[in-house]
Amino acid sequence: MSRWVEKRTRSVLPAYFAGAVWLVAGLALPLYSLWALAVTAVVSAAVWLIARRLCPARVTRVEMPFMTGREDADAMLESVQQKLADLRRLDEAIPDTALSAAIQRMEKAGRGILAEVEAHPEKAPQIRRFANYYLPDAVRILELYARLEGQAVQGGNAASVRREVETNAASIATAFENQLDSLFAADALDLSADLEVLNGMLRGQGLTGSEFDSQPRNP
């Protein structure tokens, strides 16, 4: 069970260039002299700084495992991750601005769902329909749209498919956002109950509102 994350690796070329300065200086200058050492050190540092600016960090995609402790949750997260990658690819392939905006909303909500279930794998059953039906169906529909656009298919049926997708994409994005919001429903209830208990305790001790203001305070 895995996912992909981006890893930035600094180039080793600046260190090589800085080392080359010392090599050349060893052949051309008397490094046993203090002034030669100082000059070489300054030039080497300058070369390293310049090379670091000219040699950007290398970005690689590294496979990272989902390790929630629940095999079923890990499998579900991997499936969602793959479909979200498909959404990213489709967003890049579809030129329509409004449709692209809806796809980005779908992906953002999907990544929020992914993060929440990874942090709380006990919530995995709540997204089973999303992972097995809603998200795959959305990807399949968008892939059909992208294929029609890429092949410049004309005709009444193709035009009807395009209109249907463009009309309903925003609604699908809203449904994904509602799915994400639903994952926090139990948390919201727990927070509300905890706040009610806390407020009751504070009121009972006379620490809120006018009761607290009217109590004498120690100098």
N, C-alpha and C. Protein backbone atom coordinates (compact mmCIF):
# COMPACT_ATOMS: atom_id res chain seq x y z
N MET A 1 0.86 -1.18 0.00
CA MET A 1 0.00 0.00 0.00
C MET A 1 0.90 1.24 0.00
N SER A 2 0.71 2.13 -0.94
CA SER A 2 1.71 3.20 -1.05
C SER A 2 1.10 4.48 -1.59
N ARG A 3 1.88 5.52 -1.50
CA ARG A 3 1.55 6.81 -2.07
C ARG A 3 2.85 7.43 -2.56
N TRP A 4 2.73 8.50 -3.28
CA TRP A 4 3.92 9.16 -3.82
C TRP A 4 4.02 10.55 -3.22
N VAL A 5 5.21 10.91 -2.77
CA VAL A 5 5.48 12.25 -2.26
C VAL A 5 6.71 12.79 -2.98
N GLU A 6 6.80 14.10 -3.04
CA GLU A 6 7.94 14.73 -3.69
C GLU A 6 9.08 14.94 -2.70
N LYS A 7 10.28 14.61 -3.12
CA LYS A 7 11.47 14.76 -2.29
C LYS A 7 12.48 15.63 -3.05
N ARG A 8 12.96 16.67 -2.38
CA ARG A 8 13.92 17.59 -2.98
C ARG A 8 15.33 17.23 -2.52
N THR A 9 16.23 17.03 -3.48
CA THR A 9 17.60 16.66 -3.19
C THR A 9 18.55 17.71 -3.75
N ARG A 10 19.41 18.25 -2.89
CA ARG A 10 20.38 19.25 -3.33
C ARG A 10 21.42 18.62 -4.26
N SER A 11 21.81 19.38 -5.28
CA SER A 11 22.84 18.92 -6.20
C SER A 11 24.20 18.88 -5.50
N VAL A 12 25.03 17.88 -5.86
CA VAL A 12 26.37 17.76 -5.29
C VAL A 12 27.40 18.55 -6.11
N LEU A 13 26.98 19.10 -7.25
CA LEU A 13 27.92 19.81 -8.11
C LEU A 13 28.59 21.00 -7.43
N PRO A 14 27.87 21.81 -6.62
CA PRO A 14 28.57 22.92 -5.95
C PRO A 14 29.76 22.46 -5.12
N ALA A 15 29.63 21.33 -4.44
CA ALA A 15 30.74 20.81 -3.63
C ALA A 15 31.91 20.39 -4.53
N TYR A 16 31.57 19.79 -5.67
CA TYR A 16 32.63 19.39 -6.60
C TYR A 16 33.38 20.61 -7.14
N PHE A 17 32.61 21.66 -7.51
CA PHE A 17 33.24 22.87 -8.03
C PHE A 17 34.14 23.52 -6.97
N ALA A 18 33.64 23.57 -5.73
CA ALA A 18 34.44 24.15 -4.65
C ALA A 18 35.71 23.34 -4.42
N GLY A 19 35.60 22.01 -4.50
CA GLY A 19 36.77 21.17 -4.34
C GLY A 19 37.76 21.35 -5.48
N ALA A 20 37.23 21.60 -6.71
CA ALA A 20 38.11 21.82 -7.85
C ALA A 20 38.95 23.08 -7.67
N VAL A 21 38.37 24.09 -7.00
CA VAL A 21 39.12 25.32 -6.72
C VAL A 21 40.35 25.00 -5.88
N TRP A 22 40.19 24.17 -4.87
CA TRP A 22 41.32 23.80 -4.01
C TRP A 22 42.35 22.99 -4.79
N LEU A 23 41.88 22.17 -5.71
CA LEU A 23 42.81 21.37 -6.51
C LEU A 23 43.67 22.26 -7.41
N VAL A 24 43.00 23.20 -8.08
CA VAL A 24 43.73 24.12 -8.97
C VAL A 24 44.67 25.00 -8.16
N ALA A 25 44.17 25.47 -7.00
CA ALA A 25 45.01 26.33 -6.16
C ALA A 25 46.23 25.59 -5.65
N GLY A 26 46.09 24.30 -5.40
CA GLY A 26 47.23 23.52 -4.94
C GLY A 26 48.33 23.42 -5.98
N LEU A 27 47.93 23.53 -7.25
CA LEU A 27 48.91 23.47 -8.33
C LEU A 27 49.50 24.84 -8.65
N ALA A 28 48.74 25.89 -8.39
CA ALA A 28 49.16 27.23 -8.82
C ALA A 28 49.65 28.11 -7.69
N LEU A 29 49.26 27.82 -6.47
CA LEU A 29 49.60 28.71 -5.35
C LEU A 29 50.33 27.94 -4.26
N PRO A 30 51.08 28.66 -3.46
CA PRO A 30 51.75 28.03 -2.31
C PRO A 30 50.80 27.94 -1.12
N LEU A 31 50.05 26.87 -1.06
CA LEU A 31 49.02 26.75 -0.03
C LEU A 31 49.60 26.67 1.38
N TYR A 32 50.92 26.50 1.49
CA TYR A 32 51.52 26.53 2.82
C TYR A 32 51.58 27.95 3.37
N SER A 33 51.26 28.96 2.49
CA SER A 33 51.23 30.35 2.93
C SER A 33 49.83 30.73 3.37
N LEU A 34 49.79 31.58 4.39
CA LEU A 34 48.50 31.99 4.95
C LEU A 34 47.66 32.74 3.92
N TRP A 35 48.30 33.63 3.16
CA TRP A 35 47.54 34.41 2.19
C TRP A 35 46.95 33.52 1.10
N ALA A 36 47.69 32.49 0.67
CA ALA A 36 47.19 31.58 -0.36
C ALA A 36 46.00 30.79 0.16
N LEU A 37 46.08 30.35 1.41
CA LEU A 37 44.95 29.63 2.01
C LEU A 37 43.72 30.51 2.09
N ALA A 38 43.91 31.78 2.48
CA ALA A 38 42.79 32.70 2.62
C ALA A 38 42.13 32.97 1.27
N VAL A 39 42.96 33.23 0.25
CA VAL A 39 42.43 33.51 -1.08
C VAL A 39 41.67 32.29 -1.62
N THR A 40 42.25 31.12 -1.45
CA THR A 40 41.60 29.90 -1.94
C THR A 40 40.28 29.64 -1.23
N ALA A 41 40.27 29.88 0.07
CA ALA A 41 39.04 29.66 0.83
C ALA A 41 37.94 30.61 0.38
N VAL A 42 38.27 31.87 0.14
CA VAL A 42 37.26 32.86 -0.30
C VAL A 42 36.74 32.50 -1.67
N VAL A 43 37.67 32.17 -2.60
CA VAL A 43 37.25 31.82 -3.97
C VAL A 43 36.41 30.55 -3.96
N SER A 44 36.81 29.58 -3.17
CA SER A 44 36.06 28.33 -3.08
C SER A 44 34.64 28.57 -2.57
N ALA A 45 34.51 29.41 -1.54
CA ALA A 45 33.18 29.72 -0.99
C ALA A 45 32.33 30.44 -2.01
N ALA A 46 32.93 31.36 -2.75
CA ALA A 46 32.19 32.11 -3.77
C ALA A 46 31.72 31.19 -4.89
N VAL A 47 32.60 30.29 -5.33
CA VAL A 47 32.23 29.33 -6.37
C VAL A 47 31.10 28.42 -5.88
N TRP A 48 31.17 27.99 -4.63
CA TRP A 48 30.12 27.13 -4.07
C TRP A 48 28.77 27.84 -4.06
N LEU A 49 28.76 29.12 -3.64
CA LEU A 49 27.51 29.87 -3.58
C LEU A 49 26.93 30.07 -4.97
N ILE A 50 27.79 30.43 -5.94
CA ILE A 50 27.31 30.65 -7.31
C ILE A 50 26.77 29.35 -7.91
N ALA A 51 27.50 28.26 -7.72
CA ALA A 51 27.08 26.96 -8.26
C ALA A 51 25.78 26.50 -7.62
N ARG A 52 25.60 26.82 -6.34
CA ARG A 52 24.36 26.41 -5.67
C ARG A 52 23.15 27.12 -6.27
N ARG A 53 23.36 28.38 -6.67
CA ARG A 53 22.27 29.12 -7.30
C ARG A 53 21.97 28.59 -8.70
N LEU A 54 23.04 28.19 -9.40
CA LEU A 54 22.89 27.74 -10.78
C LEU A 54 22.46 26.28 -10.89
N CYS A 55 22.58 25.53 -9.82
CA CYS A 55 22.23 24.10 -9.84
C CYS A 55 21.06 23.87 -8.88
N PRO A 56 19.83 23.94 -9.37
CA PRO A 56 18.66 23.80 -8.49
C PRO A 56 18.54 22.39 -7.91
N ALA A 57 17.77 22.29 -6.86
CA ALA A 57 17.55 20.99 -6.22
C ALA A 57 16.78 20.08 -7.17
N ARG A 58 17.10 18.80 -7.11
CA ARG A 58 16.42 17.81 -7.96
C ARG A 58 15.19 17.30 -7.22
N VAL A 59 14.04 17.33 -7.92
CA VAL A 59 12.78 16.87 -7.33
C VAL A 59 12.47 15.48 -7.85
N THR A 60 12.32 14.54 -6.95
CA THR A 60 11.98 13.17 -7.32
C THR A 60 10.73 12.73 -6.56
N ARG A 61 9.99 11.82 -7.17
CA ARG A 61 8.80 11.26 -6.52
C ARG A 61 9.19 9.96 -5.83
N VAL A 62 8.94 9.92 -4.54
CA VAL A 62 9.32 8.77 -3.72
C VAL A 62 8.06 8.05 -3.25
N GLU A 63 8.08 6.75 -3.40
CA GLU A 63 6.94 5.95 -2.97
C GLU A 63 6.97 5.77 -1.45
N MET A 64 5.88 6.17 -0.81
CA MET A 64 5.79 6.06 0.64
C MET A 64 4.60 5.18 1.00
N PRO A 65 4.76 4.30 1.97
CA PRO A 65 3.65 3.40 2.31
C PRO A 65 2.61 4.06 3.20
N PHE A 66 1.36 3.65 3.00
CA PHE A 66 0.32 3.99 3.97
C PHE A 66 0.44 2.99 5.11
N MET A 67 0.58 3.49 6.31
CA MET A 67 0.77 2.60 7.47
C MET A 67 -0.19 3.02 8.58
N THR A 68 -1.48 2.79 8.34
CA THR A 68 -2.48 3.17 9.32
C THR A 68 -2.69 2.09 10.38
N GLY A 69 -2.17 0.88 10.10
CA GLY A 69 -2.41 -0.23 11.02
C GLY A 69 -3.63 -1.04 10.65
N ARG A 70 -4.34 -0.60 9.59
CA ARG A 70 -5.51 -1.33 9.12
C ARG A 70 -5.34 -1.60 7.63
N GLU A 71 -5.25 -2.86 7.26
CA GLU A 71 -4.97 -3.22 5.87
C GLU A 71 -6.08 -2.75 4.94
N ASP A 72 -7.34 -2.85 5.39
CA ASP A 72 -8.45 -2.42 4.53
C ASP A 72 -8.39 -0.91 4.29
N ALA A 73 -8.03 -0.15 5.31
CA ALA A 73 -7.92 1.30 5.16
C ALA A 73 -6.76 1.66 4.24
N ASP A 74 -5.63 0.95 4.37
CA ASP A 74 -4.48 1.22 3.51
C ASP A 74 -4.84 0.98 2.04
N ALA A 75 -5.55 -0.13 1.77
CA ALA A 75 -5.94 -0.45 0.39
C ALA A 75 -6.87 0.62 -0.16
N MET A 76 -7.78 1.09 0.66
CA MET A 76 -8.72 2.12 0.23
C MET A 76 -7.99 3.43 -0.06
N LEU A 77 -7.05 3.78 0.81
CA LEU A 77 -6.29 5.02 0.62
C LEU A 77 -5.46 4.96 -0.65
N GLU A 78 -4.89 3.80 -0.94
CA GLU A 78 -4.10 3.66 -2.16
C GLU A 78 -4.99 3.84 -3.39
N SER A 79 -6.19 3.27 -3.35
CA SER A 79 -7.12 3.41 -4.48
C SER A 79 -7.51 4.87 -4.68
N VAL A 80 -7.81 5.57 -3.59
CA VAL A 80 -8.18 6.98 -3.68
C VAL A 80 -7.01 7.80 -4.21
N GLN A 81 -5.80 7.50 -3.74
CA GLN A 81 -4.62 8.22 -4.20
C GLN A 81 -4.44 8.08 -5.71
N GLN A 82 -4.62 6.90 -6.23
CA GLN A 82 -4.46 6.67 -7.66
C GLN A 82 -5.51 7.43 -8.47
N LYS A 83 -6.74 7.46 -7.98
CA LYS A 83 -7.80 8.17 -8.70
C LYS A 83 -7.59 9.68 -8.62
N LEU A 84 -7.06 10.18 -7.52
CA LEU A 84 -6.76 11.61 -7.43
C LEU A 84 -5.64 11.99 -8.40
N ALA A 85 -4.68 11.09 -8.59
CA ALA A 85 -3.65 11.33 -9.60
C ALA A 85 -4.27 11.39 -11.00
N ASP A 86 -5.29 10.56 -11.24
CA ASP A 86 -6.00 10.60 -12.52
C ASP A 86 -6.71 11.94 -12.70
N LEU A 87 -7.30 12.45 -11.61
CA LEU A 87 -7.96 13.76 -11.70
C LEU A 87 -6.96 14.85 -12.05
N ARG A 88 -5.77 14.82 -11.45
CA ARG A 88 -4.73 15.81 -11.76
C ARG A 88 -4.36 15.73 -13.25
N ARG A 89 -4.22 14.53 -13.76
CA ARG A 89 -3.87 14.35 -15.17
C ARG A 89 -4.98 14.88 -16.07
N LEU A 90 -6.22 14.61 -15.72
CA LEU A 90 -7.36 15.07 -16.53
C LEU A 90 -7.49 16.58 -16.49
N ASP A 91 -7.21 17.18 -15.35
CA ASP A 91 -7.26 18.64 -15.25
C ASP A 91 -6.27 19.28 -16.22
N GLU A 92 -5.09 18.67 -16.35
CA GLU A 92 -4.08 19.19 -17.26
C GLU A 92 -4.47 18.97 -18.72
N ALA A 93 -5.29 17.93 -18.98
CA ALA A 93 -5.65 17.59 -20.35
C ALA A 93 -6.89 18.32 -20.86
N ILE A 94 -7.73 18.80 -19.93
CA ILE A 94 -9.00 19.44 -20.32
C ILE A 94 -8.84 20.95 -20.30
N PRO A 95 -9.05 21.62 -21.44
CA PRO A 95 -8.81 23.06 -21.51
C PRO A 95 -9.93 23.93 -20.95
N ASP A 96 -11.14 23.38 -20.81
CA ASP A 96 -12.28 24.18 -20.37
C ASP A 96 -12.03 24.74 -18.97
N THR A 97 -12.13 26.07 -18.83
CA THR A 97 -11.78 26.72 -17.56
C THR A 97 -12.72 26.34 -16.43
N ALA A 98 -14.02 26.39 -16.69
CA ALA A 98 -15.00 26.07 -15.65
C ALA A 98 -14.89 24.61 -15.22
N LEU A 99 -14.72 23.73 -16.19
CA LEU A 99 -14.59 22.31 -15.87
C LEU A 99 -13.30 22.05 -15.10
N SER A 100 -12.23 22.73 -15.48
CA SER A 100 -10.96 22.59 -14.77
C SER A 100 -11.10 23.04 -13.32
N ALA A 101 -11.83 24.12 -13.09
CA ALA A 101 -12.04 24.60 -11.72
C ALA A 101 -12.79 23.56 -10.89
N ALA A 102 -13.79 22.91 -11.50
CA ALA A 102 -14.55 21.88 -10.79
C ALA A 102 -13.67 20.68 -10.47
N ILE A 103 -12.81 20.30 -11.41
CA ILE A 103 -11.90 19.17 -11.18
C ILE A 103 -10.95 19.49 -10.04
N GLN A 104 -10.46 20.71 -9.99
CA GLN A 104 -9.54 21.11 -8.91
C GLN A 104 -10.25 21.06 -7.57
N ARG A 105 -11.53 21.43 -7.53
CA ARG A 105 -12.30 21.31 -6.29
C ARG A 105 -12.44 19.84 -5.88
N MET A 106 -12.70 18.98 -6.86
CA MET A 106 -12.81 17.54 -6.57
C MET A 106 -11.51 17.02 -5.98
N GLU A 107 -10.40 17.38 -6.60
CA GLU A 107 -9.10 16.89 -6.14
C GLU A 107 -8.78 17.42 -4.74
N LYS A 108 -9.05 18.70 -4.50
CA LYS A 108 -8.78 19.28 -3.19
C LYS A 108 -9.59 18.58 -2.11
N ALA A 109 -10.88 18.36 -2.37
CA ALA A 109 -11.72 17.66 -1.39
C ALA A 109 -11.24 16.23 -1.21
N GLY A 110 -10.87 15.58 -2.32
CA GLY A 110 -10.38 14.21 -2.24
C GLY A 110 -9.12 14.10 -1.41
N ARG A 111 -8.21 15.05 -1.55
CA ARG A 111 -6.98 15.02 -0.77
C ARG A 111 -7.27 15.30 0.70
N GLY A 112 -8.27 16.13 0.96
CA GLY A 112 -8.68 16.34 2.35
C GLY A 112 -9.24 15.07 2.96
N ILE A 113 -10.04 14.34 2.19
CA ILE A 113 -10.58 13.05 2.65
C ILE A 113 -9.45 12.07 2.90
N LEU A 114 -8.50 12.03 1.97
CA LEU A 114 -7.35 11.13 2.10
C LEU A 114 -6.59 11.40 3.39
N ALA A 115 -6.30 12.68 3.66
CA ALA A 115 -5.54 13.05 4.84
C ALA A 115 -6.30 12.71 6.12
N GLU A 116 -7.60 12.96 6.12
CA GLU A 116 -8.39 12.72 7.33
C GLU A 116 -8.49 11.23 7.65
N VAL A 117 -8.69 10.41 6.63
CA VAL A 117 -8.81 8.97 6.87
C VAL A 117 -7.46 8.37 7.21
N GLU A 118 -6.39 8.91 6.63
CA GLU A 118 -5.06 8.42 6.99
C GLU A 118 -4.77 8.71 8.46
N ALA A 119 -5.19 9.89 8.93
CA ALA A 119 -4.98 10.24 10.33
C ALA A 119 -5.93 9.49 11.26
N HIS A 120 -7.13 9.16 10.74
CA HIS A 120 -8.14 8.47 11.55
C HIS A 120 -8.71 7.30 10.75
N PRO A 121 -7.97 6.19 10.65
CA PRO A 121 -8.40 5.08 9.80
C PRO A 121 -9.73 4.46 10.21
N GLU A 122 -10.17 4.72 11.43
CA GLU A 122 -11.47 4.20 11.84
C GLU A 122 -12.62 4.82 11.04
N LYS A 123 -12.32 5.93 10.33
CA LYS A 123 -13.33 6.58 9.51
C LYS A 123 -13.41 6.01 8.09
N ALA A 124 -12.56 5.03 7.79
CA ALA A 124 -12.52 4.46 6.45
C ALA A 124 -13.88 3.94 5.98
N PRO A 125 -14.68 3.27 6.83
CA PRO A 125 -16.00 2.80 6.35
C PRO A 125 -16.91 3.93 5.87
N GLN A 126 -16.69 5.14 6.37
CA GLN A 126 -17.54 6.27 5.97
C GLN A 126 -17.30 6.70 4.52
N ILE A 127 -16.15 6.35 3.97
CA ILE A 127 -15.86 6.79 2.60
C ILE A 127 -15.85 5.62 1.62
N ARG A 128 -16.42 4.49 2.01
CA ARG A 128 -16.39 3.31 1.13
C ARG A 128 -17.08 3.60 -0.20
N ARG A 129 -18.26 4.20 -0.16
CA ARG A 129 -18.97 4.52 -1.42
C ARG A 129 -18.20 5.55 -2.23
N PHE A 130 -17.61 6.52 -1.53
CA PHE A 130 -16.82 7.53 -2.23
C PHE A 130 -15.65 6.88 -2.96
N ALA A 131 -14.94 5.98 -2.26
CA ALA A 131 -13.75 5.36 -2.83
C ALA A 131 -14.09 4.35 -3.92
N ASN A 132 -15.19 3.63 -3.76
CA ASN A 132 -15.51 2.54 -4.69
C ASN A 132 -16.41 2.95 -5.85
N TYR A 133 -17.18 4.04 -5.67
CA TYR A 133 -18.15 4.41 -6.70
C TYR A 133 -18.02 5.86 -7.15
N TYR A 134 -18.18 6.79 -6.22
CA TYR A 134 -18.28 8.20 -6.61
C TYR A 134 -17.01 8.70 -7.31
N LEU A 135 -15.85 8.48 -6.69
CA LEU A 135 -14.60 8.96 -7.27
C LEU A 135 -14.25 8.22 -8.56
N PRO A 136 -14.31 6.89 -8.62
CA PRO A 136 -14.03 6.20 -9.89
C PRO A 136 -14.98 6.60 -11.01
N ASP A 137 -16.27 6.79 -10.67
CA ASP A 137 -17.24 7.19 -11.70
C ASP A 137 -16.93 8.58 -12.23
N ALA A 138 -16.55 9.49 -11.33
CA ALA A 138 -16.20 10.85 -11.76
C ALA A 138 -15.00 10.81 -12.70
N VAL A 139 -13.99 10.00 -12.38
CA VAL A 139 -12.81 9.87 -13.24
C VAL A 139 -13.19 9.28 -14.59
N ARG A 140 -14.04 8.26 -14.58
CA ARG A 140 -14.45 7.62 -15.83
C ARG A 140 -15.19 8.61 -16.74
N ILE A 141 -16.08 9.41 -16.15
CA ILE A 141 -16.84 10.38 -16.94
C ILE A 141 -15.92 11.44 -17.53
N LEU A 142 -14.98 11.91 -16.72
CA LEU A 142 -14.05 12.94 -17.19
C LEU A 142 -13.09 12.39 -18.24
N GLU A 143 -12.73 11.11 -18.12
CA GLU A 143 -11.88 10.50 -19.14
C GLU A 143 -12.61 10.42 -20.48
N LEU A 144 -13.90 10.12 -20.44
CA LEU A 144 -14.70 10.11 -21.67
C LEU A 144 -14.74 11.50 -22.28
N TYR A 145 -14.95 12.50 -21.46
CA TYR A 145 -14.97 13.89 -21.94
C TYR A 145 -13.63 14.25 -22.56
N ALA A 146 -12.53 13.91 -21.88
CA ALA A 146 -11.20 14.25 -22.39
C ALA A 146 -10.93 13.54 -23.71
N ARG A 147 -11.40 12.30 -23.83
CA ARG A 147 -11.19 11.57 -25.08
C ARG A 147 -11.96 12.21 -26.23
N LEU A 148 -13.19 12.62 -25.98
CA LEU A 148 -13.98 13.29 -27.01
C LEU A 148 -13.33 14.61 -27.43
N GLU A 149 -12.81 15.34 -26.43
CA GLU A 149 -12.15 16.60 -26.74
C GLU A 149 -10.85 16.37 -27.51
N GLY A 150 -10.09 15.37 -27.08
CA GLY A 150 -8.81 15.11 -27.73
C GLY A 150 -8.95 14.64 -29.16
N GLN A 151 -10.01 13.92 -29.44
CA GLN A 151 -10.24 13.41 -30.79
C GLN A 151 -11.11 14.34 -31.62
N ALA A 152 -11.52 15.46 -31.02
CA ALA A 152 -12.37 16.44 -31.71
C ALA A 152 -13.60 15.78 -32.31
N VAL A 153 -14.23 14.90 -31.52
CA VAL A 153 -15.42 14.19 -32.00
C VAL A 153 -16.59 15.15 -32.13
N GLN A 154 -17.26 15.12 -33.26
CA GLN A 154 -18.41 15.98 -33.51
C GLN A 154 -19.68 15.14 -33.53
N GLY A 155 -20.81 15.80 -33.57
CA GLY A 155 -22.08 15.10 -33.63
C GLY A 155 -22.93 15.36 -32.41
N GLY A 156 -24.21 15.02 -32.53
CA GLY A 156 -25.16 15.30 -31.46
C GLY A 156 -24.86 14.56 -30.18
N ASN A 157 -24.48 13.29 -30.26
CA ASN A 157 -24.22 12.51 -29.06
C ASN A 157 -23.00 13.05 -28.30
N ALA A 158 -21.94 13.34 -29.03
CA ALA A 158 -20.73 13.86 -28.40
C ALA A 158 -21.00 15.21 -27.74
N ALA A 159 -21.74 16.06 -28.43
CA ALA A 159 -22.06 17.38 -27.87
C ALA A 159 -22.92 17.24 -26.62
N SER A 160 -23.84 16.27 -26.63
CA SER A 160 -24.70 16.05 -25.47
C SER A 160 -23.88 15.58 -24.27
N VAL A 161 -22.91 14.69 -24.51
CA VAL A 161 -22.05 14.21 -23.42
C VAL A 161 -21.26 15.37 -22.83
N ARG A 162 -20.72 16.22 -23.69
CA ARG A 162 -19.93 17.36 -23.20
C ARG A 162 -20.79 18.27 -22.33
N ARG A 163 -22.00 18.57 -22.80
CA ARG A 163 -22.89 19.46 -22.04
C ARG A 163 -23.24 18.86 -20.69
N GLU A 164 -23.52 17.55 -20.67
CA GLU A 164 -23.89 16.89 -19.43
C GLU A 164 -22.74 16.96 -18.42
N VAL A 165 -21.54 16.69 -18.89
CA VAL A 165 -20.38 16.72 -17.99
C VAL A 165 -20.14 18.13 -17.48
N GLU A 166 -20.16 19.11 -18.37
CA GLU A 166 -19.90 20.49 -17.98
C GLU A 166 -20.96 21.00 -17.02
N THR A 167 -22.21 20.57 -17.20
CA THR A 167 -23.30 21.02 -16.34
C THR A 167 -23.22 20.42 -14.94
N ASN A 168 -22.79 19.16 -14.86
CA ASN A 168 -22.85 18.44 -13.58
C ASN A 168 -21.53 18.41 -12.82
N ALA A 169 -20.45 18.89 -13.42
CA ALA A 169 -19.14 18.81 -12.77
C ALA A 169 -19.12 19.57 -11.44
N ALA A 170 -19.70 20.75 -11.42
CA ALA A 170 -19.72 21.55 -10.19
C ALA A 170 -20.51 20.84 -9.09
N SER A 171 -21.61 20.17 -9.47
CA SER A 171 -22.41 19.44 -8.49
C SER A 171 -21.62 18.27 -7.91
N ILE A 172 -20.85 17.60 -8.75
CA ILE A 172 -20.02 16.49 -8.28
C ILE A 172 -18.97 17.01 -7.31
N ALA A 173 -18.37 18.16 -7.64
CA ALA A 173 -17.37 18.76 -6.75
C ALA A 173 -17.99 19.10 -5.40
N THR A 174 -19.21 19.63 -5.40
CA THR A 174 -19.90 19.95 -4.15
C THR A 174 -20.16 18.69 -3.34
N ALA A 175 -20.52 17.60 -4.02
CA ALA A 175 -20.76 16.33 -3.32
C ALA A 175 -19.48 15.83 -2.66
N PHE A 176 -18.34 15.98 -3.34
CA PHE A 176 -17.07 15.58 -2.75
C PHE A 176 -16.77 16.42 -1.50
N GLU A 177 -17.03 17.72 -1.60
CA GLU A 177 -16.80 18.60 -0.45
C GLU A 177 -17.71 18.24 0.71
N ASN A 178 -18.97 17.86 0.41
CA ASN A 178 -19.88 17.43 1.47
C ASN A 178 -19.42 16.12 2.10
N GLN A 179 -18.83 15.25 1.29
CA GLN A 179 -18.29 14.00 1.83
C GLN A 179 -17.17 14.29 2.82
N LEU A 180 -16.30 15.24 2.47
CA LEU A 180 -15.23 15.63 3.39
C LEU A 180 -15.82 16.21 4.67
N ASP A 181 -16.80 17.09 4.53
CA ASP A 181 -17.41 17.73 5.69
C ASP A 181 -18.06 16.71 6.61
N SER A 182 -18.64 15.65 6.02
CA SER A 182 -19.33 14.65 6.83
C SER A 182 -18.38 13.88 7.73
N LEU A 183 -17.10 13.82 7.36
CA LEU A 183 -16.13 13.12 8.19
C LEU A 183 -15.92 13.82 9.53
N PHE A 184 -16.28 15.10 9.60
CA PHE A 184 -16.08 15.87 10.82
C PHE A 184 -17.37 16.02 11.63
N ALA A 185 -18.45 15.34 11.19
CA ALA A 185 -19.73 15.48 11.88
C ALA A 185 -19.64 15.00 13.31
N ALA A 186 -19.06 13.81 13.53
CA ALA A 186 -18.94 13.27 14.90
C ALA A 186 -18.04 14.15 15.75
N ASP A 187 -16.97 14.68 15.14
CA ASP A 187 -16.07 15.56 15.88
C ASP A 187 -16.79 16.83 16.32
N ALA A 188 -17.65 17.36 15.43
CA ALA A 188 -18.40 18.57 15.77
C ALA A 188 -19.35 18.30 16.93
N LEU A 189 -20.00 17.13 16.93
CA LEU A 189 -20.91 16.78 18.02
C LEU A 189 -20.15 16.62 19.33
N ASP A 190 -19.00 15.96 19.26
CA ASP A 190 -18.20 15.77 20.47
C ASP A 190 -17.73 17.12 21.02
N LEU A 191 -17.31 18.01 20.12
CA LEU A 191 -16.84 19.33 20.55
C LEU A 191 -17.98 20.11 21.20
N SER A 192 -19.16 20.04 20.59
CA SER A 192 -20.31 20.76 21.14
C SER A 192 -20.65 20.23 22.53
N ALA A 193 -20.62 18.92 22.69
CA ALA A 193 -20.93 18.33 24.00
C ALA A 193 -19.88 18.72 25.03
N ASP A 194 -18.60 18.68 24.64
CA ASP A 194 -17.53 19.06 25.56
C ASP A 194 -17.65 20.53 25.98
N LEU A 195 -17.98 21.40 25.02
CA LEU A 195 -18.14 22.81 25.35
C LEU A 195 -19.32 23.03 26.29
N GLU A 196 -20.39 22.28 26.07
CA GLU A 196 -21.57 22.42 26.94
C GLU A 196 -21.23 21.99 28.36
N VAL A 197 -20.48 20.89 28.49
CA VAL A 197 -20.08 20.43 29.83
C VAL A 197 -19.16 21.44 30.49
N LEU A 198 -18.19 21.96 29.72
CA LEU A 198 -17.25 22.93 30.27
C LEU A 198 -17.97 24.20 30.72
N ASN A 199 -18.87 24.71 29.87
CA ASN A 199 -19.61 25.92 30.24
C ASN A 199 -20.46 25.68 31.48
N GLY A 200 -21.04 24.48 31.58
CA GLY A 200 -21.83 24.17 32.76
C GLY A 200 -20.98 24.17 34.02
N MET A 201 -19.79 23.62 33.93
CA MET A 201 -18.88 23.61 35.08
C MET A 201 -18.46 25.02 35.46
N LEU A 202 -18.15 25.86 34.46
CA LEU A 202 -17.74 27.23 34.73
C LEU A 202 -18.87 28.03 35.35
N ARG A 203 -20.09 27.83 34.82
CA ARG A 203 -21.24 28.55 35.41
C ARG A 203 -21.48 28.10 36.84
N GLY A 204 -21.32 26.79 37.08
CA GLY A 204 -21.53 26.27 38.42
C GLY A 204 -20.55 26.85 39.43
N GLN A 205 -19.35 27.21 38.96
CA GLN A 205 -18.35 27.81 39.84
C GLN A 205 -18.43 29.33 39.83
N GLY A 206 -19.40 29.89 39.12
CA GLY A 206 -19.55 31.33 39.08
C GLY A 206 -18.42 32.03 38.36
N LEU A 207 -17.86 31.38 37.33
CA LEU A 207 -16.70 31.95 36.63
C LEU A 207 -17.05 32.54 35.27
N THR A 208 -18.33 32.66 34.96
CA THR A 208 -18.71 33.24 33.67
C THR A 208 -19.70 34.37 33.88
N GLY A 209 -19.75 35.28 32.92
CA GLY A 209 -20.77 36.32 32.89
C GLY A 209 -20.76 37.23 34.09
N SER A 210 -21.95 37.73 34.42
CA SER A 210 -22.09 38.72 35.48
C SER A 210 -21.76 38.15 36.85
N GLU A 211 -21.94 36.81 37.01
CA GLU A 211 -21.65 36.21 38.30
C GLU A 211 -20.16 36.37 38.63
N PHE A 212 -19.32 36.18 37.62
CA PHE A 212 -17.88 36.32 37.84
C PHE A 212 -17.52 37.79 38.08
N ASP A 213 -18.14 38.70 37.31
CA ASP A 213 -17.83 40.12 37.45
C ASP A 213 -18.22 40.65 38.82
N SER A 214 -19.28 40.09 39.42
CA SER A 214 -19.76 40.62 40.69
C SER A 214 -19.00 40.09 41.88
N GLN A 215 -18.17 39.00 41.66
CA GLN A 215 -17.46 38.44 42.79
C GLN A 215 -16.29 39.36 43.19
N PRO A 216 -16.06 39.50 44.49
CA PRO A 216 -14.90 40.30 44.93
C PRO A 216 -13.62 39.63 44.53
N ARG A 217 -12.64 40.39 44.14
CA ARG A 217 -11.37 39.87 43.72
C ARG A 217 -10.31 40.20 44.75
N ASN A 218 -9.38 39.28 44.92
CA ASN A 218 -8.28 39.49 45.86
C ASN A 218 -7.36 40.58 45.36
N PRO A 219 -6.89 41.43 46.23
CA PRO A 219 -5.97 42.49 45.80
C PRO A 219 -4.64 41.88 45.37
